[in-house]
C-alpha atoms as a PDB file:
ATOM      1  CA  MET A   1      23.845  10.947  21.592  1.00  0.00           C
ATOM      2  CA  SER A   2      27.460  11.048  20.501  1.00  0.00           C
ATOM      3  CA  THR A   3      28.240  13.040  17.353  1.00  0.00           C
ATOM      4  CA  THR A   4      31.734  11.608  16.885  1.00  0.00           C
ATOM      5  CA  GLY A   5      32.297  10.582  13.269  1.00  0.00           C
ATOM      6  CA  ALA A   6      29.884  10.485  10.393  1.00  0.00           C
ATOM      7  CA  ALA A   7      27.296   7.724  10.242  1.00  0.00           C
ATOM      8  CA  ASP A   8      27.490   5.631   7.091  1.00  0.00           C
ATOM      9  CA  LEU A   9      24.709   6.539   4.643  1.00  0.00           C
ATOM     10  CA  ASN A  10      23.932   2.890   3.993  1.00  0.00           C
ATOM     11  CA  ALA A  11      23.564   2.336   7.735  1.00  0.00           C
ATOM     12  CA  LEU A  12      21.107   5.237   7.872  1.00  0.00           C
ATOM     13  CA  LEU A  13      19.116   3.668   5.049  1.00  0.00           C
ATOM     14  CA  VAL A  14      18.912   0.432   7.008  1.00  0.00           C
ATOM     15  CA  PHE A  15      17.923   2.346  10.148  1.00  0.00           C
ATOM     16  CA  ALA A  16      15.166   4.164   8.214  1.00  0.00           C
ATOM     17  CA  ALA A  17      13.818   0.896   6.819  1.00  0.00           C
ATOM     18  CA  VAL A  18      13.570  -0.649  10.307  1.00  0.00           C
ATOM     19  CA  ALA A  19      11.982   2.519  11.700  1.00  0.00           C
ATOM     20  CA  GLU A  20       9.321   2.678   9.000  1.00  0.00           C
ATOM     21  CA  ALA A  21       8.532  -1.035   9.010  1.00  0.00           C
ATOM     22  CA  ALA A  22       8.756  -1.324  12.834  1.00  0.00           C
ATOM     23  CA  SER A  23      10.284  -4.712  12.171  1.00  0.00           C
ATOM     24  CA  PHE A  24      13.766  -6.059  11.476  1.00  0.00           C
ATOM     25  CA  THR A  25      12.291  -8.913   9.466  1.00  0.00           C
ATOM     26  CA  ALA A  26      10.125  -6.677   7.258  1.00  0.00           C
ATOM     27  CA  ALA A  27      13.004  -4.233   6.772  1.00  0.00           C
ATOM     28  CA  ALA A  28      15.306  -7.063   5.720  1.00  0.00           C
ATOM     29  CA  GLU A  29      12.764  -8.213   3.124  1.00  0.00           C
ATOM     30  CA  GLN A  30      12.395  -4.703   1.743  1.00  0.00           C
ATOM     31  CA  LEU A  31      16.164  -4.225   1.516  1.00  0.00           C
ATOM     32  CA  GLY A  32      16.872  -7.657   0.101  1.00  0.00           C
ATOM     33  CA  GLN A  33      19.185  -8.469   3.005  1.00  0.00           C
ATOM     34  CA  THR A  34      19.182 -11.037   5.794  1.00  0.00           C
ATOM     35  CA  LYS A  35      17.682 -10.166   9.148  1.00  0.00           C
ATOM     36  CA  ALA A  36      21.065 -10.893  10.773  1.00  0.00           C
ATOM     37  CA  ARG A  37      22.759  -8.377   8.468  1.00  0.00           C
ATOM     38  CA  VAL A  38      20.174  -5.681   9.229  1.00  0.00           C
ATOM     39  CA  SER A  39      20.516  -6.264  12.988  1.00  0.00           C
ATOM     40  CA  LEU A  40      24.303  -6.066  12.741  1.00  0.00           C
ATOM     41  CA  VAL A  41      24.211  -2.775  10.836  1.00  0.00           C
ATOM     42  CA  VAL A  42      21.831  -1.228  13.385  1.00  0.00           C
ATOM     43  CA  ARG A  43      23.949  -2.417  16.333  1.00  0.00           C
ATOM     44  CA  ARG A  44      27.058  -0.919  14.757  1.00  0.00           C
ATOM     45  CA  LEU A  45      25.236   2.349  14.171  1.00  0.00           C
ATOM     46  CA  GLU A  46      24.083   2.419  17.791  1.00  0.00           C
ATOM     47  CA  THR A  47      27.656   1.784  18.944  1.00  0.00           C
ATOM     48  CA  GLN A  48      28.982   4.550  16.700  1.00  0.00           C
ATOM     49  CA  LEU A  49      26.393   7.050  17.945  1.00  0.00           C
ATOM     50  CA  GLY A  50      26.550   5.914  21.570  1.00  0.00           C
ATOM     51  CA  ALA A  51      22.779   5.600  21.802  1.00  0.00           C
ATOM     52  CA  THR A  52      20.101   2.908  21.631  1.00  0.00           C
ATOM     53  CA  LEU A  53      17.892   3.579  18.627  1.00  0.00           C
ATOM     54  CA  PHE A  54      15.264   0.860  19.074  1.00  0.00           C
ATOM     55  CA  SER A  55      13.548  -0.851  21.981  1.00  0.00           C
ATOM     56  CA  ARG A  56      13.202  -4.498  21.035  1.00  0.00           C
ATOM     57  CA  THR A  57      10.698  -7.010  22.395  1.00  0.00           C
ATOM     58  CA  THR A  58       9.546 -10.378  21.103  1.00  0.00           C
ATOM     59  CA  ARG A  59       6.433  -8.738  19.634  1.00  0.00           C
ATOM     60  CA  ARG A  60       7.444  -5.304  18.383  1.00  0.00           C
ATOM     61  CA  VAL A  61      10.225  -2.887  17.564  1.00  0.00           C
ATOM     62  CA  ALA A  62       9.819   0.779  18.464  1.00  0.00           C
ATOM     63  CA  MET A  63      12.112   3.782  18.176  1.00  0.00           C
ATOM     64  CA  THR A  64      13.566   5.217  21.377  1.00  0.00           C
ATOM     65  CA  ASP A  65      13.730   8.980  21.909  1.00  0.00           C
ATOM     66  CA  ALA A  66      17.207   8.913  20.363  1.00  0.00           C
ATOM     67  CA  GLY A  67      15.883   6.933  17.398  1.00  0.00           C
ATOM     68  CA  GLN A  68      13.041   9.384  16.865  1.00  0.00           C
ATOM     69  CA  ALA A  69      15.483  12.298  17.008  1.00  0.00           C
ATOM     70  CA  LEU A  70      17.769  10.665  14.443  1.00  0.00           C
ATOM     71  CA  TYR A  71      14.853   9.826  12.184  1.00  0.00           C
ATOM     72  CA  GLY A  72      13.407  13.318  12.344  1.00  0.00           C
ATOM     73  CA  GLN A  73      16.707  15.093  11.726  1.00  0.00           C
ATOM     74  CA  CYS A  74      18.425  12.838   9.213  1.00  0.00           C
ATOM     75  CA  VAL A  75      15.962  10.725   7.272  1.00  0.00           C
ATOM     76  CA  PRO A  76      14.134  13.537   5.380  1.00  0.00           C
ATOM     77  CA  ALA A  77      17.470  14.820   4.102  1.00  0.00           C
ATOM     78  CA  LEU A  78      18.560  11.282   3.264  1.00  0.00           C
ATOM     79  CA  ARG A  79      15.387  10.677   1.251  1.00  0.00           C
ATOM     80  CA  GLY A  80      16.023  13.942  -0.576  1.00  0.00           C
ATOM     81  CA  VAL A  81      19.500  12.768  -1.565  1.00  0.00           C
ATOM     82  CA  GLN A  82      18.027   9.473  -2.772  1.00  0.00           C
ATOM     83  CA  GLU A  83      15.489  11.273  -4.947  1.00  0.00           C
ATOM     84  CA  VAL A  84      18.129  13.557  -6.468  1.00  0.00           C
ATOM     85  CA  LEU A  85      20.286  10.548  -7.334  1.00  0.00           C
ATOM     86  CA  GLU A  86      17.295   8.751  -8.844  1.00  0.00           C
ATOM     87  CA  GLN A  87      16.414  11.810 -10.936  1.00  0.00           C
ATOM     88  CA  LEU A  88      20.003  12.188 -12.127  1.00  0.00           C
ATOM     89  CA  GLY A  89      20.047   8.534 -13.104  1.00  0.00           C
ATOM     90  CA  GLY A  90      16.868   8.934 -15.146  1.00  0.00           C
ATOM     91  CA  PRO A  91      13.739   6.755 -15.143  1.00  0.00           C
ATOM     92  CA  ALA A  92      15.565   3.738 -16.601  1.00  0.00           C
ATOM     93  CA  GLU A  93      17.821   3.606 -13.523  1.00  0.00           C
ATOM     94  CA  LEU A  94      15.130   3.017 -10.911  1.00  0.00           C
ATOM     95  CA  ARG A  95      16.385   0.400  -8.481  1.00  0.00           C
ATOM     96  CA  GLY A  96      15.546  -1.164  -5.147  1.00  0.00           C
ATOM     97  CA  ASN A  97      12.107  -2.269  -3.974  1.00  0.00           C
ATOM     98  CA  LEU A  98       8.687  -0.791  -4.619  1.00  0.00           C
ATOM     99  CA  ARG A  99       5.680  -2.040  -2.668  1.00  0.00           C
ATOM    100  CA  ILE A 100       2.236  -1.221  -4.043  1.00  0.00           C
ATOM    101  CA  SER A 101      -1.045  -2.190  -2.390  1.00  0.00           C
ATOM    102  CA  ALA A 102      -4.611  -2.293  -3.686  1.00  0.00           C
ATOM    103  CA  SER A 103      -7.858  -4.177  -3.225  1.00  0.00           C
ATOM    104  CA  VAL A 104      -8.093  -7.610  -4.824  1.00  0.00           C
ATOM    105  CA  ASP A 105     -10.661  -6.608  -7.453  1.00  0.00           C
ATOM    106  CA  TYR A 106      -8.976  -3.357  -8.398  1.00  0.00           C
ATOM    107  CA  ALA A 107      -5.568  -5.001  -8.690  1.00  0.00           C
ATOM    108  CA  ALA A 108      -6.928  -7.793 -10.892  1.00  0.00           C
ATOM    109  CA  HIS A 109      -9.136  -5.722 -13.182  1.00  0.00           C
ATOM    110  CA  THR A 110      -7.253  -2.443 -13.526  1.00  0.00           C
ATOM    111  CA  LEU A 111      -3.918  -2.117 -11.731  1.00  0.00           C
ATOM    112  CA  ALA A 112      -2.038  -5.307 -12.627  1.00  0.00           C
ATOM    113  CA  PRO A 113      -1.587  -4.536 -16.362  1.00  0.00           C
ATOM    114  CA  ALA A 114      -0.115  -1.136 -15.478  1.00  0.00           C
ATOM    115  CA  VAL A 115       2.252  -2.673 -12.918  1.00  0.00           C
ATOM    116  CA  ALA A 116       3.402  -5.188 -15.522  1.00  0.00           C
ATOM    117  CA  ALA A 117       4.103  -2.420 -18.025  1.00  0.00           C
ATOM    118  CA  PHE A 118       5.945  -0.314 -15.432  1.00  0.00           C
ATOM    119  CA  SER A 119       8.027  -3.333 -14.407  1.00  0.00           C
ATOM    120  CA  ALA A 120       9.038  -3.925 -18.028  1.00  0.00           C
ATOM    121  CA  LEU A 121      10.253  -0.324 -18.260  1.00  0.00           C
ATOM    122  CA  HIS A 122      12.377  -0.648 -15.102  1.00  0.00           C
ATOM    123  CA  PRO A 123      14.117  -4.048 -15.065  1.00  0.00           C
ATOM    124  CA  GLN A 124      16.358  -3.081 -12.116  1.00  0.00           C
ATOM    125  CA  LEU A 125      13.352  -2.418  -9.855  1.00  0.00           C
ATOM    126  CA  ASP A 126      11.813  -5.153  -7.690  1.00  0.00           C
ATOM    127  CA  ILE A 127       8.045  -4.639  -7.373  1.00  0.00           C
ATOM    128  CA  GLU A 128       5.655  -6.320  -4.949  1.00  0.00           C
ATOM    129  CA  LEU A 129       1.918  -5.922  -5.534  1.00  0.00           C
ATOM    130  CA  LYS A 130       0.127  -6.652  -2.264  1.00  0.00           C
ATOM    131  CA  THR A 131      -3.621  -7.192  -2.450  1.00  0.00           C
ATOM    132  CA  GLY A 132      -6.329  -7.254   0.180  1.00  0.00           C
ATOM    133  CA  ASP A 133      -9.702  -5.689   0.822  1.00  0.00           C
ATOM    134  CA  ARG A 134      -8.815  -4.359   4.266  1.00  0.00           C
ATOM    135  CA  VAL A 135      -7.044  -1.003   4.584  1.00  0.00           C
ATOM    136  CA  VAL A 136      -3.489  -1.739   5.746  1.00  0.00           C
ATOM    137  CA  ASP A 137      -1.111   0.221   7.967  1.00  0.00           C
ATOM    138  CA  MET A 138       1.228   1.517   5.280  1.00  0.00           C
ATOM    139  CA  LEU A 139       4.162   2.201   7.586  1.00  0.00           C
ATOM    140  CA  LYS A 140       3.905  -1.153   9.325  1.00  0.00           C
ATOM    141  CA  GLU A 141       3.604  -3.048   6.042  1.00  0.00           C
ATOM    142  CA  GLY A 142       6.330  -1.028   4.326  1.00  0.00           C
ATOM    143  CA  ILE A 143       3.979   0.131   1.544  1.00  0.00           C
ATOM    144  CA  ASP A 144       5.369   2.867  -0.704  1.00  0.00           C
ATOM    145  CA  VAL A 145       2.107   3.703  -2.461  1.00  0.00           C
ATOM    146  CA  ALA A 146      -1.450   2.408  -2.076  1.00  0.00           C
ATOM    147  CA  LEU A 147      -4.213   2.644  -4.653  1.00  0.00           C
ATOM    148  CA  ARG A 148      -7.489   3.140  -2.831  1.00  0.00           C
ATOM    149  CA  VAL A 149     -10.904   3.142  -4.439  1.00  0.00           C
ATOM    150  CA  GLY A 150     -13.852   4.989  -2.924  1.00  0.00           C
ATOM    151  CA  TRP A 151     -13.625   7.582  -0.164  1.00  0.00           C
ATOM    152  CA  LEU A 152     -10.693   8.262   2.156  1.00  0.00           C
ATOM    153  CA  ARG A 153     -11.471   8.199   5.877  1.00  0.00           C
ATOM    154  CA  ASP A 154      -8.030   9.167   7.223  1.00  0.00           C
ATOM    155  CA  SER A 155      -7.371  12.893   6.725  1.00  0.00           C
ATOM    156  CA  SER A 156      -3.700  12.475   7.715  1.00  0.00           C
ATOM    157  CA  LEU A 157      -2.949  10.580   4.515  1.00  0.00           C
ATOM    158  CA  ARG A 158      -1.256  12.310   1.612  1.00  0.00           C
ATOM    159  CA  ALA A 159      -3.342  11.417  -1.409  1.00  0.00           C
ATOM    160  CA  SER A 160      -3.825  12.495  -5.002  1.00  0.00           C
ATOM    161  CA  ARG A 161      -6.956  11.721  -6.979  1.00  0.00           C
ATOM    162  CA  LEU A 162      -6.114   9.892 -10.199  1.00  0.00           C
ATOM    163  CA  ASP A 163      -9.490   8.833 -11.529  1.00  0.00           C
ATOM    164  CA  GLY A 164     -13.187   8.572 -10.782  1.00  0.00           C
ATOM    165  CA  PHE A 165     -15.861   5.920 -11.184  1.00  0.00           C
ATOM    166  CA  GLU A 166     -19.615   5.476 -11.086  1.00  0.00           C
ATOM    167  CA  GLN A 167     -21.510   3.126  -8.773  1.00  0.00           C
ATOM    168  CA  VAL A 168     -24.293   0.835  -9.902  1.00  0.00           C
ATOM    169  CA  LEU A 169     -27.120  -0.931  -8.091  1.00  0.00           C
ATOM    170  CA  VAL A 170     -27.058  -4.607  -9.090  1.00  0.00           C
ATOM    171  CA  ALA A 171     -28.696  -7.983  -8.418  1.00  0.00           C
ATOM    172  CA  SER A 172     -28.902 -11.345 -10.126  1.00  0.00           C
ATOM    173  CA  PRO A 173     -31.787 -12.165 -12.518  1.00  0.00           C
ATOM    174  CA  ALA A 174     -32.800 -15.011 -10.173  1.00  0.00           C
ATOM    175  CA  TYR A 175     -33.161 -12.660  -7.205  1.00  0.00           C
ATOM    176  CA  LEU A 176     -35.108 -10.076  -9.207  1.00  0.00           C
ATOM    177  CA  GLN A 177     -37.458 -12.771 -10.515  1.00  0.00           C
ATOM    178  CA  ARG A 178     -38.536 -13.861  -7.040  1.00  0.00           C
ATOM    179  CA  ALA A 179     -38.346 -10.458  -5.277  1.00  0.00           C
ATOM    180  CA  ALA A 180     -40.897  -7.662  -5.180  1.00  0.00           C
ATOM    181  CA  PRO A 181     -40.716  -5.133  -8.037  1.00  0.00           C
ATOM    182  CA  ILE A 182     -38.279  -2.218  -7.601  1.00  0.00           C
ATOM    183  CA  LYS A 183     -39.699   0.951  -9.144  1.00  0.00           C
ATOM    184  CA  THR A 184     -38.247   3.645  -6.868  1.00  0.00           C
ATOM    185  CA  PRO A 185     -35.354   3.841  -4.371  1.00  0.00           C
ATOM    186  CA  ALA A 186     -37.853   3.664  -1.493  1.00  0.00           C
ATOM    187  CA  ASP A 187     -38.712   0.078  -2.534  1.00  0.00           C
ATOM    188  CA  LEU A 188     -35.161  -1.016  -1.642  1.00  0.00           C
ATOM    189  CA  ALA A 189     -35.826  -0.737   2.093  1.00  0.00           C
ATOM    190  CA  GLN A 190     -37.928  -3.901   1.885  1.00  0.00           C
ATOM    191  CA  HIS A 191     -35.356  -5.946  -0.031  1.00  0.00           C
ATOM    192  CA  ASP A 192     -32.499  -8.226   1.044  1.00  0.00           C
ATOM    193  CA  TRP A 193     -29.483  -5.941   1.118  1.00  0.00           C
ATOM    194  CA  VAL A 194     -25.945  -7.356   1.010  1.00  0.00           C
ATOM    195  CA  THR A 195     -23.662  -5.022   2.942  1.00  0.00           C
ATOM    196  CA  LEU A 196     -20.051  -4.224   2.075  1.00  0.00           C
ATOM    197  CA  THR A 197     -18.691  -3.269   5.482  1.00  0.00           C
ATOM    198  CA  LEU A 198     -15.624  -1.524   4.025  1.00  0.00           C
ATOM    199  CA  LEU A 199     -17.777   1.470   3.098  1.00  0.00           C
ATOM    200  CA  PRO A 200     -18.117   4.419   5.515  1.00  0.00           C
ATOM    201  CA  THR A 201     -21.952   4.274   5.555  1.00  0.00           C
ATOM    202  CA  PRO A 202     -22.828   0.877   4.045  1.00  0.00           C
ATOM    203  CA  LEU A 203     -26.566   0.945   4.849  1.00  0.00           C
ATOM    204  CA  THR A 204     -27.456   4.533   3.915  1.00  0.00           C
ATOM    205  CA  TRP A 205     -27.588   5.424   0.225  1.00  0.00           C
ATOM    206  CA  LYS A 206     -28.465   8.585  -1.672  1.00  0.00           C
ATOM    207  CA  PHE A 207     -30.052   8.409  -5.109  1.00  0.00           C
ATOM    208  CA  THR A 208     -30.488  11.304  -7.546  1.00  0.00           C
ATOM    209  CA  SER A 209     -33.005  11.178 -10.398  1.00  0.00           C
ATOM    210  CA  ALA A 210     -32.470  12.590 -13.863  1.00  0.00           C
ATOM    211  CA  GLY A 211     -34.660  15.518 -12.806  1.00  0.00           C
ATOM    212  CA  GLY A 212     -32.548  16.265  -9.746  1.00  0.00           C
ATOM    213  CA  GLN A 213     -34.744  14.659  -7.085  1.00  0.00           C
ATOM    214  CA  LEU A 214     -32.759  13.361  -4.097  1.00  0.00           C
ATOM    215  CA  ARG A 215     -33.851  10.251  -2.185  1.00  0.00           C
ATOM    216  CA  THR A 216     -32.060   8.817   0.844  1.00  0.00           C
ATOM    217  CA  VAL A 217     -32.811   5.201   1.746  1.00  0.00           C
ATOM    218  CA  ARG A 218     -31.828   3.245   4.857  1.00  0.00           C
ATOM    219  CA  MET A 219     -31.389  -0.432   4.020  1.00  0.00           C
ATOM    220  CA  LYS A 220     -31.979  -3.547   6.113  1.00  0.00           C
ATOM    221  CA  SER A 221     -29.337  -6.250   6.003  1.00  0.00           C
ATOM    222  CA  ARG A 222     -28.719  -9.717   7.403  1.00  0.00           C
ATOM    223  CA  LEU A 223     -25.782 -10.516   5.146  1.00  0.00           C
ATOM    224  CA  ARG A 224     -22.470  -8.657   5.369  1.00  0.00           C
ATOM    225  CA  THR A 225     -18.966  -9.036   3.940  1.00  0.00           C
ATOM    226  CA  ASP A 226     -15.675  -7.128   4.015  1.00  0.00           C
ATOM    227  CA  SER A 227     -14.621  -8.230   0.517  1.00  0.00           C
ATOM    228  CA  GLY A 228     -15.580  -6.792  -2.846  1.00  0.00           C
ATOM    229  CA  SER A 229     -14.997 -10.165  -4.499  1.00  0.00           C
ATOM    230  CA  ALA A 230     -17.207 -11.919  -1.960  1.00  0.00           C
ATOM    231  CA  LEU A 231     -19.904  -9.279  -2.452  1.00  0.00           C
ATOM    232  CA  ARG A 232     -20.003  -9.967  -6.183  1.00  0.00           C
ATOM    233  CA  ALA A 233     -20.174 -13.732  -5.590  1.00  0.00           C
ATOM    234  CA  LEU A 234     -23.008 -13.369  -3.092  1.00  0.00           C
ATOM    235  CA  LEU A 235     -24.978 -11.201  -5.488  1.00  0.00           C
ATOM    236  CA  GLN A 236     -24.401 -13.562  -8.408  1.00  0.00           C
ATOM    237  CA  ASN A 237     -25.770 -16.396  -6.269  1.00  0.00           C
ATOM    238  CA  GLY A 238     -29.016 -14.545  -5.659  1.00  0.00           C
ATOM    239  CA  SER A 239     -28.444 -13.460  -2.043  1.00  0.00           C
ATOM    240  CA  GLY A 240     -29.872 -10.000  -2.536  1.00  0.00           C
ATOM    241  CA  ILE A 241     -29.173  -6.581  -3.966  1.00  0.00           C
ATOM    242  CA  SER A 242     -26.328  -4.105  -3.397  1.00  0.00           C
ATOM    243  CA  VAL A 243     -24.080  -1.441  -4.905  1.00  0.00           C
ATOM    244  CA  MET A 244     -20.811  -2.138  -6.717  1.00  0.00           C
ATOM    245  CA  ASP A 245     -18.316   0.145  -8.389  1.00  0.00           C
ATOM    246  CA  GLN A 246     -18.884  -0.006 -12.130  1.00  0.00           C
ATOM    247  CA  PRO A 247     -15.395  -1.302 -13.117  1.00  0.00           C
ATOM    248  CA  SER A 248     -15.753  -4.298 -10.774  1.00  0.00           C
ATOM    249  CA  ALA A 249     -19.318  -5.007 -11.888  1.00  0.00           C
ATOM    250  CA  MET A 250     -18.759  -4.624 -15.636  1.00  0.00           C
ATOM    251  CA  ALA A 251     -17.784  -8.223 -16.452  1.00  0.00           C
ATOM    252  CA  SER A 252     -20.771  -9.630 -14.534  1.00  0.00           C
ATOM    253  CA  LEU A 253     -23.128  -7.145 -16.191  1.00  0.00           C
ATOM    254  CA  ARG A 254     -21.853  -8.107 -19.645  1.00  0.00           C
ATOM    255  CA  SER A 255     -22.218 -11.821 -18.922  1.00  0.00           C
ATOM    256  CA  GLY A 256     -25.745 -11.366 -17.567  1.00  0.00           C
ATOM    257  CA  GLU A 257     -24.853 -12.769 -14.133  1.00  0.00           C
ATOM    258  CA  LEU A 258     -25.853  -9.400 -12.696  1.00  0.00           C
ATOM    259  CA  VAL A 259     -28.399  -6.833 -13.857  1.00  0.00           C
ATOM    260  CA  GLN A 260     -28.398  -3.104 -13.172  1.00  0.00           C
ATOM    261  CA  VAL A 261     -31.402  -1.908 -11.177  1.00  0.00           C
ATOM    262  CA  LEU A 262     -32.906   1.604 -11.164  1.00  0.00           C
ATOM    263  CA  ALA A 263     -30.609   2.691 -13.984  1.00  0.00           C
ATOM    264  CA  ASP A 264     -32.390   6.060 -14.192  1.00  0.00           C
ATOM    265  CA  TRP A 265     -31.211   6.965 -10.693  1.00  0.00           C
ATOM    266  CA  ARG A 266     -27.597   7.954 -10.030  1.00  0.00           C
ATOM    267  CA  LEU A 267     -25.528   7.077  -6.981  1.00  0.00           C
ATOM    268  CA  PRO A 268     -22.632   9.187  -5.639  1.00  0.00           C
ATOM    269  CA  SER A 269     -19.455   8.756  -7.685  1.00  0.00           C
ATOM    270  CA  GLY A 270     -16.186   7.690  -6.080  1.00  0.00           C
ATOM    271  CA  GLY A 271     -12.504   8.317  -6.646  1.00  0.00           C
ATOM    272  CA  VAL A 272      -9.289   6.393  -7.229  1.00  0.00           C
ATOM    273  CA  TYR A 273      -6.492   7.761  -5.049  1.00  0.00           C
ATOM    274  CA  ALA A 274      -2.748   7.228  -4.897  1.00  0.00           C
ATOM    275  CA  VAL A 275      -1.848   7.343  -1.205  1.00  0.00           C
ATOM    276  CA  VAL A 276       1.566   7.582   0.463  1.00  0.00           C
ATOM    277  CA  PRO A 277       2.269   7.146   4.183  1.00  0.00           C
ATOM    278  CA  PRO A 278       1.910  10.194   6.446  1.00  0.00           C
ATOM    279  CA  GLY A 279       5.055  12.004   7.490  1.00  0.00           C
ATOM    280  CA  ARG A 280       7.285  10.204   5.022  1.00  0.00           C
ATOM    281  CA  HIS A 281       9.338  11.496   2.129  1.00  0.00           C
ATOM    282  CA  ILE A 282       7.942  10.261  -1.182  1.00  0.00           C
ATOM    283  CA  ALA A 283      10.577   8.073  -2.808  1.00  0.00           C
ATOM    284  CA  GLY A 284      11.398   8.834  -6.436  1.00  0.00           C
ATOM    285  CA  LYS A 285      10.362   5.334  -7.509  1.00  0.00           C
ATOM    286  CA  ALA A 286       6.936   5.768  -5.879  1.00  0.00           C
ATOM    287  CA  ARG A 287       6.495   9.160  -7.500  1.00  0.00           C
ATOM    288  CA  ALA A 288       7.562   7.694 -10.847  1.00  0.00           C
ATOM    289  CA  PHE A 289       4.954   4.952 -10.571  1.00  0.00           C
ATOM    290  CA  VAL A 290       2.162   7.373  -9.609  1.00  0.00           C
ATOM    291  CA  ASP A 291       3.009   9.585 -12.597  1.00  0.00           C
ATOM    292  CA  PHE A 292       3.114   6.553 -14.887  1.00  0.00           C
ATOM    293  CA  TYR A 293      -0.175   5.171 -13.597  1.00  0.00           C
ATOM    294  CA  SER A 294      -1.901   8.528 -13.873  1.00  0.00           C
ATOM    295  CA  GLY A 295      -0.948   8.639 -17.556  1.00  0.00           C
ATOM    296  CA  TRP A 296      -2.019   5.016 -17.982  1.00  0.00           C
ATOM    297  CA  LEU A 297      -5.481   5.816 -16.654  1.00  0.00           C
ATOM    298  CA  ARG A 298      -5.826   8.869 -18.886  1.00  0.00           C
ATOM    299  CA  GLN A 299      -5.099   6.721 -21.939  1.00  0.00           C
ATOM    300  CA  ARG A 300      -7.863   4.273 -20.924  1.00  0.00           C
ATOM    301  CA  ARG A 301     -10.558   6.925 -20.711  1.00  0.00           C
END
């Protein structure tokens, strides 16, 4: 790789965006530029350095060895410069794009008001709130910070716990009226269980009594879904019984559409985590949002 001349910092920012998104189109959207402009900047950078930085096919974009070397040597320092400039500018000067992801239910019930408030504080910052119940590839999707509820499976993720929540066993009054009585956790094994497949062990549940007794129950299930919203709808329509996180279940419990079952037995509690992509410098705007949201949650307690 040629070292003649100094690469333009803006060109390096464009290069980093393409590398992290693995897509010229996604990088262009994140940067607020056209795809043609992003491609031109990368080609000029490659010409200046005398090396091909990306292998391009119709389906994917991947860094070459030269691209990986440039990313590893230059981008961490570049992100550090960005953060220093953001800190010097102060919180009111946050600019650029911030992509936040969360599950549909969590975004609607808890996260969205905080995002709205943060956006009002930083009018120069473009924010995209992406929702979905499946865990996304943060690098591929260009996500700066993800809010994940429950338990983290991927140990390579950099995460900070912001909050906790209780889980509740729920069913509709119609289901409970026609089903066999539920007096102990063991009775659940004979009931219609609605499975949320997003959970690490969706059919095995541990219950703890007020006296400290532990009971583990293996459920039977014919009905499964990968969506928290769909799970609530299925339960409200009398399809069976299942576990929901308390924040998502609260509105249905208050309205009477769902009823808590075995309230004297506790289920394992879960956590709310702010997650950033592995091996990536945390942008100042992402850090600012995590700090803001952590304070927001503390005020709600």
